[in-house]
Amino acid sequence: MQRLNTAVNYNEKSINGCAVHLTRKVKVPSNTVLQCVEWNLNTNFIASGGSGGLLKVLKLACVDIGSFKDSKGGTPMNMSVNQALEGHSGTVLCAAWNELQQKLTTSDSNGLIIVWSLHNESWYEEMINNRRNIIFRNKSMVVGMAWNNDGSKIAIAYQDGQVIVGTMDGNRIWNKELPGNIAACEWSPDGSILLFGMADGEVHSYDNQGTFLQKLHMIALESVELETALAKDLRKDNIIALKWFTVAPRSRVYDSSDRGSSPMPFRHGQNVSSPMPPRLNRLQSVDPLPHASEPRIDNRPRLLIAYAHGVVQLMRNDNDTCRILPILRKLKLVNL
């Protein structure tokens, strides 16, 4: 389970009707342990990293669901790109996409950070932490990286509590040492808030200048008994994912270089080379809507905090008091 796309459309009917269809398996060397998987929503590139310096970038081709065979295995998806990127020697722990600029940032257990750029459907090193760059000077292990939604800033969180926020060009904006060890980091959709998942399971919020705001109320820590976590040989408070969903911005790479032939959103069964026609909002009733012109409030939970012992906390925002708490029993979560 790598993504909880259904979580943002949560209701009883949608959850009961969820189904998963396996369309493709990607093999890795038998002795390799995967540590991170990240999906580029603009281009369908998937970055996966793991032990032994493994870093692969795959690209799945769009497949018409109408062509699927009615069988247990289905029809395999086409893979137009399967590139192994060389540069890491330690275990690749983190990967983060800059959707707007189409850049990939990766880090490994040795503290090495590499920024990769796309050129002619292949990825190449653009920047590396050779310690001459001001933004990369901490020797601790990177445990979290996140680009803000407009692709102008990257937050890098180190295990020992050091945080660096820098620009796309590698210049430091600010740095701060948080009180305690860090497990993950994430931007809010508007870029005004930075969330940090701490090693003790708490989640702290800071503004985009590094000023502390608050501690989020994590009922996920209260919902599972310590004995349950110990039975799975896990820590009760081990955060494995901190995600705040937002719609990916349109890639400037395709807007500038592939105008007219850039990837478009598609529906299954539609020719992917043709633009998707606009879709009208579905009305829930034929009765007149006196306030139809007013914007609807989006109340779907988009903030996810997941713990290794199988508890996930879903929130609509950082101040949400009506949290949703799915519990994935008998599962050990590694990544989402």
Protein backbone atom coordinates (compact mmCIF):
# COMPACT_ATOMS: atom_id res chain seq x y z
CA MET A 1 0.00 0.00 0.00
CA GLN A 2 1.80 3.10 -1.22
CA ARG A 3 -0.98 5.68 -1.45
CA LEU A 4 -4.33 6.31 0.24
CA ASN A 5 -6.04 8.12 -2.62
CA THR A 6 -9.44 6.95 -1.37
CA ALA A 7 -8.84 8.71 1.92
CA VAL A 8 -9.46 12.14 0.37
CA ASN A 9 -12.87 10.96 -0.85
CA TYR A 10 -13.80 9.27 2.40
CA ASN A 11 -17.37 8.28 3.12
CA GLU A 12 -19.04 5.03 4.10
CA LYS A 13 -20.17 4.24 0.56
CA SER A 14 -16.77 4.86 -1.05
CA ILE A 15 -14.87 2.85 1.57
CA ASN A 16 -17.21 -0.11 1.25
CA GLY A 17 -16.87 -0.02 -2.53
CA CYS A 18 -13.07 0.24 -2.70
CA ALA A 19 -11.22 -2.24 -4.87
CA VAL A 20 -7.55 -2.73 -5.76
CA HIS A 21 -6.37 -4.14 -9.07
CA LEU A 22 -2.76 -5.24 -9.53
CA THR A 23 -1.55 -4.06 -12.93
CA ARG A 24 2.22 -4.24 -12.70
CA LYS A 25 4.97 -5.70 -10.55
CA VAL A 26 8.44 -4.18 -10.72
CA LYS A 27 11.30 -6.42 -9.69
CA VAL A 28 14.27 -5.26 -7.64
CA PRO A 29 17.39 -7.25 -6.78
CA SER A 30 16.55 -10.02 -4.35
CA ASN A 31 18.75 -8.68 -1.55
CA THR A 32 17.49 -5.10 -1.88
CA VAL A 33 15.13 -3.59 0.69
CA LEU A 34 12.94 -0.75 -0.59
CA GLN A 35 12.83 2.28 1.69
CA CYS A 36 10.91 4.91 -0.29
CA VAL A 37 8.52 5.20 -3.22
CA GLU A 38 7.29 8.54 -4.56
CA TRP A 39 4.93 9.24 -7.48
CA ASN A 40 5.22 12.25 -9.81
CA LEU A 41 1.58 13.20 -10.43
CA ASN A 42 2.34 15.35 -13.50
CA THR A 43 4.24 12.78 -15.54
CA ASN A 44 3.62 9.33 -14.00
CA PHE A 45 7.28 8.92 -13.06
CA ILE A 46 7.82 6.77 -9.98
CA ALA A 47 11.02 7.04 -7.94
CA SER A 48 11.99 4.12 -5.71
CA GLY A 49 15.02 3.88 -3.47
CA GLY A 50 16.52 1.28 -1.19
CA SER A 51 19.57 -0.46 0.15
CA GLY A 52 22.87 -0.67 -1.70
CA GLY A 53 22.36 2.74 -3.33
CA LEU A 54 19.37 1.51 -5.34
CA LEU A 55 17.54 4.36 -7.07
CA LYS A 56 15.24 3.66 -10.00
CA VAL A 57 12.92 5.96 -11.92
CA LEU A 58 10.05 4.27 -13.75
CA LYS A 59 7.36 5.68 -15.98
CA LEU A 60 4.05 3.93 -16.41
CA ALA A 61 2.19 4.41 -19.69
CA CYS A 62 -1.49 5.26 -19.59
CA VAL A 63 -3.59 2.18 -20.28
CA ASP A 64 -7.20 2.05 -21.39
CA ILE A 65 -9.03 0.08 -18.72
CA GLY A 66 -11.36 -1.21 -21.44
CA SER A 67 -8.49 -3.24 -22.87
CA PHE A 68 -7.95 -5.14 -19.61
CA LYS A 69 -8.61 -8.84 -19.85
CA ASP A 70 -11.08 -10.38 -17.46
CA SER A 71 -8.58 -12.54 -15.63
CA LYS A 72 -6.90 -12.74 -12.28
CA GLY A 73 -3.72 -11.10 -13.45
CA GLY A 74 -5.17 -8.57 -15.88
CA THR A 75 -3.18 -7.00 -18.68
CA PRO A 76 0.26 -5.64 -17.66
CA MET A 77 0.81 -1.90 -17.93
CA ASN A 78 3.43 -0.63 -20.35
CA MET A 79 6.59 0.85 -18.85
CA SER A 80 8.14 3.46 -21.12
CA VAL A 81 11.04 4.36 -18.78
CA ASN A 82 13.00 2.12 -16.40
CA GLN A 83 16.17 4.02 -15.51
CA ALA A 84 18.63 3.19 -12.74
CA LEU A 85 20.25 6.35 -11.37
CA GLU A 86 23.82 6.02 -10.13
CA GLY A 87 25.23 8.32 -7.50
CA HIS A 88 24.26 6.96 -4.10
CA SER A 89 26.33 4.40 -2.20
CA GLY A 90 24.32 4.27 1.01
CA THR A 91 20.70 3.23 1.46
CA VAL A 92 18.39 5.68 -0.30
CA LEU A 93 15.98 6.77 2.43
CA CYS A 94 14.09 9.76 1.03
CA ALA A 95 12.88 11.01 -2.33
CA ALA A 96 10.87 14.15 -3.08
CA TRP A 97 9.48 15.49 -6.36
CA ASN A 98 9.40 19.14 -7.39
CA GLU A 99 6.29 18.89 -9.55
CA LEU A 100 6.46 22.41 -10.96
CA GLN A 101 10.10 22.29 -12.08
CA GLN A 102 10.25 18.51 -12.64
CA LYS A 103 13.19 17.87 -10.33
CA LEU A 104 13.83 14.89 -8.07
CA THR A 105 15.71 15.18 -4.78
CA THR A 106 17.07 12.07 -3.06
CA SER A 107 19.12 11.38 0.05
CA ASP A 108 20.85 8.35 1.52
CA SER A 109 22.06 6.98 4.84
CA ASN A 110 25.47 8.61 4.35
CA GLY A 111 23.88 12.06 4.31
CA LEU A 112 24.40 12.49 0.56
CA ILE A 113 21.75 14.60 -1.18
CA ILE A 114 21.38 14.71 -4.97
CA VAL A 115 19.07 16.83 -7.11
CA TRP A 116 18.18 15.24 -10.46
CA SER A 117 16.78 17.01 -13.53
CA LEU A 118 14.79 15.70 -16.46
CA HIS A 119 16.15 15.93 -20.00
CA ASN A 120 14.64 14.04 -22.94
CA GLU A 121 12.80 11.60 -20.68
CA SER A 122 15.99 10.75 -18.74
CA TRP A 123 17.24 11.93 -15.35
CA TYR A 124 20.69 13.45 -14.74
CA GLU A 125 22.55 14.84 -11.73
CA GLU A 126 22.12 18.58 -11.41
CA MET A 127 23.34 19.25 -7.87
CA ILE A 128 25.14 17.14 -5.27
CA ASN A 129 26.09 17.87 -1.67
CA ASN A 130 29.82 18.13 -2.26
CA ARG A 131 29.98 20.31 0.90
CA ARG A 132 30.84 23.35 -1.16
CA ASN A 133 27.11 24.13 -1.34
CA ILE A 134 25.89 26.16 1.62
CA ILE A 135 22.61 24.33 1.96
CA PHE A 136 24.10 20.88 2.63
CA ARG A 137 26.50 20.77 5.56
CA ASN A 138 24.93 18.58 8.20
CA LYS A 139 26.49 15.14 8.72
CA SER A 140 23.42 13.62 10.36
CA MET A 141 21.08 11.36 8.40
CA VAL A 142 18.26 12.97 6.42
CA VAL A 143 14.88 11.60 7.49
CA GLY A 144 12.55 13.92 5.60
CA MET A 145 12.49 16.16 2.53
CA ALA A 146 9.58 18.13 1.09
CA TRP A 147 9.15 20.73 -1.65
CA ASN A 148 6.46 23.35 -1.14
CA ASN A 149 3.64 23.35 -3.67
CA ASP A 150 5.04 26.10 -5.92
CA GLY A 151 8.44 24.38 -6.07
CA SER A 152 10.39 27.37 -4.76
CA LYS A 153 11.49 25.98 -1.38
CA ILE A 154 12.67 22.63 -0.05
CA ALA A 155 12.66 21.63 3.60
CA ILE A 156 15.30 19.13 4.71
CA ALA A 157 14.95 17.51 8.12
CA TYR A 158 17.82 15.66 9.80
CA GLN A 159 17.41 12.98 12.42
CA ASP A 160 19.23 14.98 15.09
CA GLY A 161 16.73 17.88 14.90
CA GLN A 162 18.45 20.13 12.38
CA VAL A 163 16.17 21.69 9.76
CA ILE A 164 17.28 23.58 6.66
CA VAL A 165 14.96 25.40 4.27
CA GLY A 166 16.53 26.33 0.96
CA THR A 167 15.76 27.44 -2.56
CA MET A 168 15.67 25.42 -5.75
CA ASP A 169 19.11 26.81 -6.61
CA GLY A 170 20.68 25.46 -3.42
CA ASN A 171 20.76 28.66 -1.37
CA ARG A 172 19.88 28.55 2.29
CA ILE A 173 16.89 30.61 3.47
CA TRP A 174 16.97 29.66 7.15
CA ASN A 175 18.00 26.84 9.44
CA LYS A 176 16.91 25.82 12.91
CA GLU A 177 17.60 23.14 15.50
CA LEU A 178 14.40 21.63 16.86
CA PRO A 179 14.25 20.25 20.42
CA GLY A 180 14.24 16.51 19.82
CA ASN A 181 14.82 14.04 17.01
CA ILE A 182 12.79 14.23 13.78
CA ALA A 183 11.13 11.44 11.80
CA ALA A 184 9.39 13.30 8.92
CA CYS A 185 8.46 16.71 7.52
CA GLU A 186 5.78 18.17 5.24
CA TRP A 187 4.53 21.53 3.91
CA SER A 188 0.94 22.70 4.09
CA PRO A 189 -0.73 23.13 0.66
CA ASP A 190 -0.37 26.93 0.77
CA GLY A 191 3.24 26.81 1.97
CA SER A 192 2.55 28.76 5.16
CA ILE A 193 3.12 25.90 7.61
CA LEU A 194 5.78 23.24 8.08
CA LEU A 195 4.86 20.08 9.97
CA PHE A 196 7.49 17.93 11.65
CA GLY A 197 6.81 14.40 12.84
CA MET A 198 9.01 13.82 15.85
CA ALA A 199 10.70 10.60 16.92
CA ASP A 200 8.37 10.36 19.95
CA GLY A 201 5.28 10.36 17.69
CA GLU A 202 4.26 13.97 18.25
CA VAL A 203 3.63 16.34 15.33
CA HIS A 204 4.75 19.97 15.66
CA SER A 205 3.82 22.85 13.38
CA TYR A 206 6.00 25.85 12.51
CA ASP A 207 5.38 28.79 10.21
CA ASN A 208 7.39 29.12 7.00
CA GLN A 209 10.01 31.23 8.81
CA GLY A 210 10.69 28.61 11.48
CA THR A 211 8.58 30.00 14.34
CA PHE A 212 6.89 27.37 16.51
CA LEU A 213 3.08 27.38 16.32
CA GLN A 214 1.61 24.38 18.14
CA LYS A 215 1.60 20.66 18.85
CA LEU A 216 -1.12 18.75 17.01
CA HIS A 217 -3.38 16.55 19.10
CA MET A 218 -2.47 13.01 18.08
CA ILE A 219 -5.27 10.70 19.19
CA ALA A 220 -3.48 8.00 17.19
CA LEU A 221 -1.02 7.74 20.06
CA GLU A 222 -3.86 7.17 22.52
CA SER A 223 -5.79 4.60 20.48
CA VAL A 224 -3.41 1.63 20.62
CA GLU A 225 -2.19 -0.02 23.75
CA LEU A 226 1.54 -0.33 24.23
CA GLU A 227 1.16 -4.10 24.44
CA THR A 228 -0.29 -4.13 20.92
CA ALA A 229 2.71 -2.30 19.52
CA LEU A 230 5.12 -4.52 21.41
CA ALA A 231 3.36 -7.62 20.08
CA LYS A 232 4.30 -6.43 16.58
CA ASP A 233 7.85 -5.72 17.74
CA LEU A 234 7.28 -2.05 16.96
CA ARG A 235 7.41 1.21 18.80
CA LYS A 236 3.98 2.64 19.44
CA ASP A 237 5.04 6.12 18.34
CA ASN A 238 7.11 5.42 15.21
CA ILE A 239 5.89 7.77 12.42
CA ILE A 240 6.47 6.29 8.96
CA ALA A 241 4.53 8.83 6.84
CA LEU A 242 3.47 12.47 7.07
CA LYS A 243 1.57 13.62 3.97
CA TRP A 244 -0.57 16.68 3.29
CA PHE A 245 -2.32 16.13 -0.03
CA THR A 246 -2.67 18.98 -2.51
CA VAL A 247 -3.34 19.11 -6.22
CA ALA A 248 -0.03 19.00 -8.11
CA PRO A 249 0.71 22.25 -9.95
CA ARG A 250 1.07 22.18 -13.71
CA SER A 251 4.67 21.40 -14.70
CA ARG A 252 6.52 24.36 -16.20
CA VAL A 253 8.82 21.96 -18.03
CA TYR A 254 5.98 20.70 -20.18
CA ASP A 255 4.31 24.08 -20.45
CA SER A 256 7.47 25.62 -21.94
CA SER A 257 8.99 22.79 -23.99
CA ASP A 258 6.06 20.56 -24.92
CA ARG A 259 3.23 23.02 -25.36
CA GLY A 260 0.53 21.40 -27.40
CA SER A 261 1.80 17.87 -26.78
CA SER A 262 2.12 17.81 -23.01
CA PRO A 263 0.44 15.14 -20.93
CA MET A 264 -3.20 15.82 -20.19
CA PRO A 265 -5.42 14.40 -17.51
CA PHE A 266 -7.24 11.35 -18.87
CA ARG A 267 -10.10 9.08 -18.10
CA HIS A 268 -10.04 5.38 -18.66
CA GLY A 269 -11.35 4.58 -22.09
CA GLN A 270 -10.43 7.99 -23.52
CA ASN A 271 -7.76 8.60 -26.13
CA VAL A 272 -4.94 10.09 -24.05
CA SER A 273 -3.72 12.23 -26.95
CA SER A 274 -6.91 14.30 -26.87
CA PRO A 275 -7.61 16.90 -24.17
CA MET A 276 -10.13 15.96 -21.53
CA PRO A 277 -13.35 17.94 -21.95
CA PRO A 278 -14.50 19.96 -18.97
CA ARG A 279 -16.68 18.07 -16.54
CA LEU A 280 -19.78 19.63 -15.03
CA ASN A 281 -20.39 19.34 -11.32
CA ARG A 282 -23.01 16.71 -10.50
CA LEU A 283 -26.02 18.08 -8.66
CA GLN A 284 -27.27 15.98 -5.78
CA SER A 285 -30.88 17.17 -6.13
CA VAL A 286 -33.19 18.63 -8.76
CA ASP A 287 -34.43 21.20 -6.25
CA PRO A 288 -33.29 24.80 -6.72
CA LEU A 289 -30.00 25.65 -5.05
CA PRO A 290 -30.33 29.19 -3.67
CA HIS A 291 -26.63 29.44 -2.83
CA ALA A 292 -25.22 27.52 -5.78
CA SER A 293 -22.97 30.42 -6.72
CA GLU A 294 -21.13 30.28 -3.40
CA PRO A 295 -17.94 28.17 -3.33
CA ARG A 296 -18.32 24.83 -1.60
CA ILE A 297 -16.18 24.15 1.43
CA ASP A 298 -13.89 21.20 0.80
CA ASN A 299 -14.18 19.11 3.95
CA ARG A 300 -12.26 16.07 2.83
CA PRO A 301 -9.39 14.93 5.07
CA ARG A 302 -6.09 15.59 3.29
CA LEU A 303 -3.55 15.45 6.11
CA LEU A 304 -2.25 11.95 6.91
CA ILE A 305 -0.02 10.79 9.76
CA ALA A 306 0.73 7.06 9.74
CA TYR A 307 2.41 4.96 12.41
CA ALA A 308 4.30 1.72 11.88
CA HIS A 309 1.98 -0.26 14.14
CA GLY A 310 -0.94 0.28 11.75
CA VAL A 311 -2.76 3.37 13.04
CA VAL A 312 -3.40 6.24 10.62
CA GLN A 313 -4.72 9.67 11.61
CA LEU A 314 -6.57 11.64 8.91
CA MET A 315 -7.28 15.36 9.38
CA ARG A 316 -8.85 18.15 7.32
CA ASN A 317 -6.28 20.66 8.57
CA ASP A 318 -3.81 21.09 11.39
CA ASN A 319 -6.58 22.31 13.76
CA ASP A 320 -9.12 19.62 12.93
CA THR A 321 -10.97 18.30 15.99
CA CYS A 322 -13.03 15.67 14.08
CA ARG A 323 -10.23 13.33 13.13
CA ILE A 324 -10.65 10.05 11.26
CA LEU A 325 -8.67 7.12 12.64
CA PRO A 326 -8.40 4.06 10.38
CA ILE A 327 -6.68 1.13 12.12
CA LEU A 328 -4.96 -1.39 9.85
CA ARG A 329 -4.86 -4.38 12.12
CA LYS A 330 -2.21 -7.10 11.83
CA LEU A 331 -0.18 -4.91 9.45
CA LYS A 332 3.26 -3.42 9.84
CA LEU A 333 3.42 -0.19 7.83
CA VAL A 334 6.70 0.72 6.17
CA ASN A 335 5.78 3.52 3.76
CA LEU A 336 2.73 5.29 2.36
